[in-house]
Amino acid sequence: MTFDTTAKVSLTLDQVLEVIKQLPAKAKLQVAKELERSAVEAEWDFVFKAFKTRELSMAAINEAVEAERSAAYAKRQKDKARR
């Protein structure tokens, strides 16, 4: 038999912000970094869901990179020809 000894408290956003304001500067930075990491993770989750997979093959990545490089090269060549 196991027991959950973790306290669970319902807090409003205002209460959480008030607690964060009371933290020392170093702890506030840790909270900020964690929130930033979480936000970046959420953005990538959105991107991966759009592709319906978390797996992108190296071949697909290389193909996309090569297409962008080719487009950039063609644009540079076109700009040179105009001069």
Protein backbone atom coordinates (compact mmCIF):
# COMPACT_ATOMS: atom_id res chain seq x y z
CA MET A 1 0.00 0.00 0.00
CA THR A 2 1.33 3.43 -0.92
CA PHE A 3 0.28 6.84 0.26
CA ASP A 4 0.46 10.09 -1.62
CA THR A 5 2.13 12.53 0.75
CA THR A 6 2.15 15.42 -1.69
CA ALA A 7 0.04 18.37 -0.61
CA LYS A 8 -2.26 19.69 -3.29
CA VAL A 9 -3.51 23.25 -3.07
CA SER A 10 -5.75 25.16 -5.45
CA LEU A 11 -4.39 28.64 -6.09
CA THR A 12 -5.52 31.44 -8.34
CA LEU A 13 -3.10 33.08 -10.74
CA ASP A 14 -3.00 36.16 -8.52
CA GLN A 15 -2.04 34.01 -5.53
CA VAL A 16 0.72 32.31 -7.47
CA LEU A 17 2.08 35.66 -8.65
CA GLU A 18 2.02 36.97 -5.09
CA VAL A 19 4.03 33.95 -3.89
CA ILE A 20 6.54 34.40 -6.72
CA LYS A 21 6.99 38.07 -5.79
CA GLN A 22 8.03 36.96 -2.31
CA LEU A 23 10.80 34.70 -3.61
CA PRO A 24 14.45 35.74 -3.64
CA ALA A 25 15.81 36.97 -6.99
CA LYS A 26 17.63 33.69 -7.73
CA ALA A 27 14.45 31.67 -7.22
CA LYS A 28 12.50 34.10 -9.42
CA LEU A 29 15.04 33.50 -12.20
CA GLN A 30 14.60 29.75 -11.80
CA VAL A 31 10.82 30.16 -12.11
CA ALA A 32 11.28 32.34 -15.20
CA LYS A 33 13.62 29.80 -16.83
CA GLU A 34 11.21 26.95 -16.11
CA LEU A 35 8.30 28.91 -17.58
CA GLU A 36 10.36 29.74 -20.67
CA ARG A 37 11.37 26.09 -21.10
CA SER A 38 7.76 25.04 -20.72
CA ALA A 39 6.62 27.60 -23.30
CA VAL A 40 9.23 26.46 -25.84
CA GLU A 41 8.20 22.85 -25.24
CA ALA A 42 4.56 23.79 -25.86
CA GLU A 43 5.51 25.53 -29.13
CA TRP A 44 7.36 22.44 -30.35
CA ASP A 45 4.45 20.22 -29.33
CA PHE A 46 2.24 22.42 -31.51
CA VAL A 47 4.64 22.02 -34.45
CA PHE A 48 4.92 18.26 -34.02
CA LYS A 49 1.15 17.88 -33.78
CA ALA A 50 0.85 19.78 -37.05
CA PHE A 51 3.05 17.11 -38.65
CA LYS A 52 1.20 14.38 -36.74
CA THR A 53 4.48 12.88 -35.58
CA ARG A 54 7.33 13.53 -33.21
CA GLU A 55 9.74 11.86 -35.61
CA LEU A 56 11.30 13.70 -38.50
CA SER A 57 13.73 11.71 -40.55
CA MET A 58 17.14 13.13 -41.24
CA ALA A 59 16.40 12.75 -44.94
CA ALA A 60 13.30 14.96 -44.64
CA ILE A 61 15.26 17.57 -42.68
CA ASN A 62 18.11 17.52 -45.21
CA GLU A 63 15.64 17.84 -48.09
CA ALA A 64 14.00 20.90 -46.51
CA VAL A 65 17.39 22.49 -45.77
CA GLU A 66 18.62 21.85 -49.30
CA ALA A 67 15.45 23.38 -50.77
CA GLU A 68 15.96 26.53 -48.68
CA ARG A 69 19.63 26.73 -49.64
CA SER A 70 18.77 26.37 -53.32
CA ALA A 71 16.13 29.10 -53.08
CA ALA A 72 18.57 31.43 -51.30
CA TYR A 73 21.28 30.71 -53.89
CA ALA A 74 18.87 31.36 -56.76
CA LYS A 75 17.84 34.67 -55.19
CA ARG A 76 21.49 35.72 -54.79
CA GLN A 77 22.22 34.82 -58.43
CA LYS A 78 19.17 36.77 -59.57
CA ASP A 79 20.25 39.79 -57.50
CA LYS A 80 23.80 39.59 -58.98
CA ALA A 81 22.39 39.51 -62.53
CA ARG A 82 20.47 42.73 -61.89
CA ARG A 83 23.64 44.65 -60.99
